Protein backbone atom coordinates (compact mmCIF):
# COMPACT_ATOMS: atom_id res chain seq x y z
CA MET A 1 135.64 48.17 -170.48
CA ILE A 2 138.63 47.42 -172.44
CA SER A 3 138.70 46.53 -176.18
CA THR A 4 141.31 46.00 -178.15
CA VAL A 5 140.87 46.17 -181.65
CA THR A 6 143.55 44.44 -184.04
CA THR A 7 143.15 42.88 -187.69
CA THR A 8 143.43 39.46 -189.27
CA THR A 9 143.54 37.65 -192.28
CA THR A 10 142.28 34.37 -193.51
CA ASP A 11 144.87 31.58 -193.73
CA ILE A 12 145.02 28.05 -195.38
CA SER A 13 146.70 25.55 -192.68
CA VAL A 14 148.59 22.46 -193.25
CA TYR A 15 145.58 20.93 -191.23
CA PHE A 16 143.24 21.84 -194.10
CA LEU A 17 145.69 20.62 -196.87
CA LEU A 18 145.98 17.60 -195.31
CA PHE A 19 142.24 17.34 -194.75
CA VAL A 20 142.02 17.86 -198.72
CA VAL A 21 144.37 14.58 -198.87
CA LEU A 22 141.98 12.67 -196.73
CA ILE A 23 138.93 13.50 -198.77
CA GLY A 24 140.86 12.36 -201.71
CA PHE A 25 142.02 9.26 -200.13
CA ALA A 26 138.41 8.19 -198.61
CA TYR A 27 136.91 8.58 -201.72
CA HIS A 28 139.16 6.98 -204.06
CA LEU A 29 139.50 4.23 -201.30
CA ILE A 30 135.84 3.04 -201.69
CA ARG A 31 135.34 4.45 -205.16
CA ASN A 32 138.14 3.38 -207.63
CA LYS A 33 140.41 0.47 -207.93
CA GLU A 34 142.94 1.50 -210.68
CA TYR A 35 145.31 4.93 -210.81
CA LYS A 36 143.50 6.39 -214.12
CA ASP A 37 140.16 6.45 -212.77
CA THR A 38 141.50 8.65 -210.18
CA LEU A 39 142.10 11.41 -212.12
CA LEU A 40 138.55 12.92 -213.30
CA ALA A 41 137.30 12.86 -209.69
CA SER A 42 140.30 14.29 -208.53
CA VAL A 43 139.96 17.38 -210.89
CA ILE A 44 136.08 17.72 -209.74
CA ILE A 45 136.97 17.39 -206.16
CA GLY A 46 139.59 20.17 -206.24
CA LEU A 47 137.34 22.36 -208.39
CA ILE A 48 135.00 22.10 -205.67
CA PHE A 49 137.51 23.33 -202.95
CA GLY A 50 138.55 26.15 -205.12
CA LEU A 51 135.31 27.29 -205.70
CA ILE A 52 134.60 27.33 -201.90
CA LEU A 53 137.86 29.14 -200.96
CA VAL A 54 138.81 31.15 -203.54
CA PRO A 55 137.65 34.85 -204.37
CA VAL A 56 136.62 34.95 -208.26
CA ASP A 57 137.99 38.31 -208.63
CA ASP A 58 141.83 36.90 -207.86
CA LEU A 59 142.10 34.40 -211.17
CA LEU A 60 145.82 33.97 -210.56
CA LEU A 61 145.50 32.70 -207.12
CA TYR A 62 141.97 30.98 -208.44
CA PHE A 63 144.10 28.46 -210.79
CA LEU A 64 147.06 28.37 -208.23
CA THR A 65 144.80 26.94 -205.67
CA TYR A 66 142.58 24.83 -208.17
CA GLY A 67 146.02 23.26 -209.10
CA LYS A 68 147.23 22.73 -205.42
CA PHE A 69 144.04 21.35 -204.27
CA ILE A 70 143.59 18.91 -207.50
CA ALA A 71 147.36 17.81 -207.05
CA LEU A 72 146.75 17.03 -203.36
CA VAL A 73 143.54 15.08 -204.06
CA ILE A 74 145.20 13.11 -206.98
CA LEU A 75 148.15 12.28 -204.62
CA GLY A 76 145.61 11.09 -201.81
CA GLY A 77 143.86 8.98 -204.78
CA PHE A 78 147.30 7.47 -205.67
CA LEU A 79 147.95 6.46 -202.33
CA ALA A 80 144.40 5.12 -201.71
CA VAL A 81 144.54 2.68 -204.88
CA GLY A 82 148.41 1.68 -204.15
CA PHE A 83 147.05 0.99 -200.47
CA LYS A 84 144.21 -0.94 -201.54
CA LYS A 85 146.36 -3.16 -203.90
CA LEU A 86 148.76 -3.73 -201.04
CA ILE A 87 146.16 -5.28 -198.91
CA LYS A 88 144.60 -7.16 -201.83
CA ASN A 89 148.17 -8.18 -202.91
CA SER A 90 146.70 -11.53 -203.75
CA ALA A 91 143.95 -10.63 -205.94
CA ILE A 92 146.50 -8.20 -207.95
CA GLU A 93 146.70 -9.16 -211.67
CA ARG A 94 149.67 -7.41 -213.31
CA SER A 95 149.08 -4.53 -215.54
CA SER A 96 150.72 -1.90 -217.28
CA GLU A 97 148.43 1.28 -216.13
CA THR A 98 150.93 3.66 -214.00
CA PRO A 99 150.11 7.11 -212.66
CA GLY A 100 152.13 8.55 -215.54
CA THR A 101 153.83 8.09 -218.93
CA PRO A 102 157.27 7.16 -218.06
CA SER A 103 160.06 6.99 -220.89
CA LYS A 104 160.34 3.52 -222.70
CA GLY A 105 163.36 2.85 -220.54
CA TYR A 106 161.55 3.12 -217.44
CA LYS A 107 158.34 1.42 -218.46
CA LYS A 108 160.39 -1.51 -219.19
CA TRP A 109 161.88 -1.58 -215.47
CA TRP A 110 158.49 -0.93 -214.15
CA ASP A 111 156.99 -3.62 -216.20
CA LYS A 112 159.40 -5.86 -214.33
CA GLN A 113 158.56 -5.47 -211.04
CA ASN A 114 155.97 -7.75 -209.05
CA PRO A 115 152.91 -5.64 -208.28
CA ARG A 116 153.63 -5.79 -204.53
CA VAL A 117 156.90 -3.37 -205.42
CA GLN A 118 154.73 -1.29 -207.57
CA ALA A 119 151.96 -0.61 -205.13
CA ILE A 120 154.62 0.29 -202.28
CA THR A 121 156.71 2.66 -204.63
CA ILE A 122 153.57 4.53 -205.55
CA CYS A 123 152.31 4.81 -201.87
CA ILE A 124 155.71 6.25 -201.15
CA ALA A 125 156.15 8.56 -203.98
CA SER A 126 152.42 9.66 -203.06
CA LEU A 127 153.42 10.68 -199.89
CA LEU A 128 156.67 12.26 -201.05
CA GLY A 129 154.22 14.34 -203.44
CA ILE A 130 152.10 15.39 -200.67
CA ALA A 131 154.74 16.66 -198.36
CA LEU A 132 156.21 18.52 -201.76
CA VAL A 133 153.11 20.11 -202.60
CA ILE A 134 152.25 21.36 -199.03
CA SER A 135 155.97 22.24 -198.40
CA ALA A 136 155.82 24.51 -201.63
CA VAL A 137 152.58 26.17 -200.59
CA TYR A 138 154.09 27.23 -197.33
CA LEU A 139 157.29 28.01 -198.77
CA LEU A 140 156.06 30.14 -201.44
CA THR A 141 153.20 32.13 -199.17
CA PRO A 142 154.95 35.24 -198.12
CA LEU A 143 154.48 35.14 -194.04
CA GLU A 144 152.64 38.38 -192.94
CA ASN A 145 154.28 40.58 -190.61
CA PRO A 146 151.94 43.25 -189.84
CA VAL A 147 152.72 46.19 -187.76
CA LEU A 148 151.40 46.11 -184.05
CA LEU A 149 148.52 48.18 -183.67
CA GLY A 150 145.57 48.27 -181.18
CA LEU A 151 142.81 50.71 -179.87
CA GLU A 152 141.25 50.91 -176.11
CA PHE A 153 138.08 51.72 -175.85
CA THR A 154 137.12 52.76 -172.20
CA PRO A 155 134.58 54.51 -170.03
CA SER A 156 137.62 57.05 -168.90
CA ASN A 157 138.18 58.24 -172.11
CA GLY A 158 134.25 58.73 -173.22
CA PHE A 159 133.47 55.58 -174.71
CA ILE A 160 130.38 53.08 -173.29
CA ASN A 161 130.79 50.16 -175.48
CA VAL A 162 131.98 48.56 -178.56
CA ASN A 163 129.74 46.51 -180.95
CA TYR A 164 129.94 45.06 -184.39
CA THR A 165 127.23 45.34 -187.23
CA ASP A 166 126.48 41.81 -189.34
CA GLU A 167 128.89 43.45 -192.18
CA GLY A 168 131.80 43.74 -189.98
CA ASP A 169 131.67 47.14 -189.16
CA MET A 170 132.82 48.24 -185.72
CA ILE A 171 130.61 50.78 -183.62
CA VAL A 172 132.13 52.65 -181.01
CA PHE A 173 129.29 54.43 -178.67
CA VAL A 174 129.96 57.50 -176.89
CA ALA A 175 127.84 59.31 -174.28
CA ASN A 176 125.14 61.76 -175.57
CA ASN A 177 126.24 65.48 -176.03
CA THR A 178 129.89 64.45 -175.66
CA THR A 179 131.85 67.07 -177.80
CA GLN A 180 135.26 65.60 -176.84
CA TYR A 181 136.98 61.92 -176.31
CA VAL A 182 140.48 60.71 -176.26
CA LEU A 183 141.16 57.83 -178.36
CA GLU A 184 144.04 55.43 -176.94
CA GLY A 185 146.35 52.89 -178.03
CA SER A 186 149.72 51.44 -178.56
CA SER A 187 151.77 50.41 -181.84
CA GLU A 188 155.29 49.65 -181.74
CA ALA A 189 158.77 51.27 -181.81
CA ASN A 190 159.48 53.64 -184.90
CA ALA A 191 156.26 52.85 -186.57
CA THR A 192 154.72 55.96 -188.14
CA LEU A 193 150.60 56.39 -187.03
CA LYS A 194 148.33 58.58 -188.70
CA ILE A 195 144.78 59.03 -188.40
CA THR A 196 142.14 60.14 -191.03
CA SER A 197 138.16 61.23 -190.80
CA ASN A 198 136.95 63.01 -193.57
CA ASP A 199 133.81 63.79 -191.22
CA LEU A 200 135.98 65.59 -189.26
CA GLY A 201 138.21 66.91 -191.51
CA ILE A 202 141.24 65.17 -190.43
CA TYR A 203 143.64 63.71 -193.43
CA ASP A 204 146.70 61.82 -192.80
CA GLN A 205 147.70 63.80 -189.37
CA ASN A 206 150.52 62.01 -187.65
CA ILE A 207 149.74 60.69 -184.36
CA PRO A 208 153.00 60.77 -182.25
CA LEU A 209 154.04 57.50 -179.88
CA ASP A 210 155.64 57.78 -176.33
CA ALA A 211 158.39 56.15 -175.09
CA GLU A 212 156.43 53.08 -174.22
CA ASN A 213 154.96 53.56 -177.92
CA ARG A 214 151.76 54.45 -176.64
CA PHE A 215 149.77 57.10 -178.01
CA THR A 216 146.55 59.32 -177.16
CA TYR A 217 144.70 61.67 -179.47
CA LYS A 218 142.02 64.12 -179.01
CA LEU A 219 138.99 64.59 -181.31
CA ASP A 220 136.52 66.99 -180.92
CA LEU A 221 132.92 66.07 -181.90
CA PRO A 222 130.46 68.06 -183.68
CA GLU A 223 126.75 68.62 -182.06
CA ASN A 224 124.18 66.28 -182.79
CA PHE A 225 126.47 63.93 -185.22
CA SER A 226 124.67 60.85 -186.58
CA SER A 227 127.84 58.79 -187.32
CA ILE A 228 131.78 59.44 -187.81
CA GLU A 229 133.73 57.03 -189.61
CA VAL A 230 137.69 57.21 -188.49
CA THR A 231 140.63 55.50 -190.01
CA LEU A 232 144.40 54.83 -188.41
CA ASN A 233 146.91 53.55 -190.13
CA ALA A 234 150.53 52.51 -188.90
CA THR A 235 153.54 51.71 -191.28
CA LYS A 236 156.93 50.56 -190.36
CA SER A 237 159.93 49.98 -192.52
CA GLY A 238 160.24 46.11 -193.37
CA LYS A 239 156.71 45.26 -192.11
CA ASP A 240 153.51 45.07 -193.76
CA ASP A 241 150.86 48.09 -192.87
CA ARG A 242 147.72 47.63 -190.61
CA ASN A 243 144.38 49.45 -190.79
CA ILE A 244 141.74 50.05 -188.40
CA THR A 245 138.71 51.75 -189.23
CA PHE A 246 135.58 52.09 -187.15
CA PHE A 247 132.32 54.30 -186.66
CA ILE A 248 131.66 56.82 -183.57
CA LYS A 249 127.94 56.92 -182.92
CA SER A 250 126.23 58.56 -180.07
CA ASN A 251 124.29 56.26 -177.09
CA ASP A 252 120.79 57.68 -178.27
CA ILE A 253 121.22 56.45 -181.56
CA LYS A 254 119.85 52.85 -182.41
CA ILE A 255 121.42 50.37 -184.78
CA ILE A 256 120.61 46.66 -185.33
CA ILE A 257 123.33 44.35 -184.67
């Protein structure tokens, strides 16, 4: 059995942001008839998405995410109300209600437009706003570029299997009475790889890579150990660091997975 371990991160995709827009569109299409009625409900819906997705300890991300979701729900709401006005054009009554508070000159121009033109303009503006918000999110979100780092746990180098606890900790099992095993894996050219294990008295020790960017590292295990924590760290100029932490246990130790 070969188990290659890598790390991943959570990302909010464009599909999810479009889903937020769709939620706002559907809600306001059913619920509201005027643009002003979309504001309070949109704020509440955006706050709910923020509470679900954003860690409370990151306040800056907290408020930026709230703003992003609220803006998308509002724009989806304006699009819904505009669409509703278009399909019910014969019943539209002229109104001075607009999604913003334009200057006097612009308001005068706006009031001269017929209801259909107003609705089409708001729909187009909402679609452009949605595209701008989603584009800004991705332009302002730095792309992750982590160093490649993989570990291979195979029977040939002493490992029996790999498992995970409910907390996400990776556990690798070795045969009973194993006193030495070989850690194998790969990284990429010009990467610096270090290993640390407080349980084994190893601190930031360099691991060299061969011509194929693979590595091997022998670890001596104490007798009758219960659990050994090991961390690998890969760094490279111009790329994000990558860390892999795992625990070594002997096969006769029972854990609940």
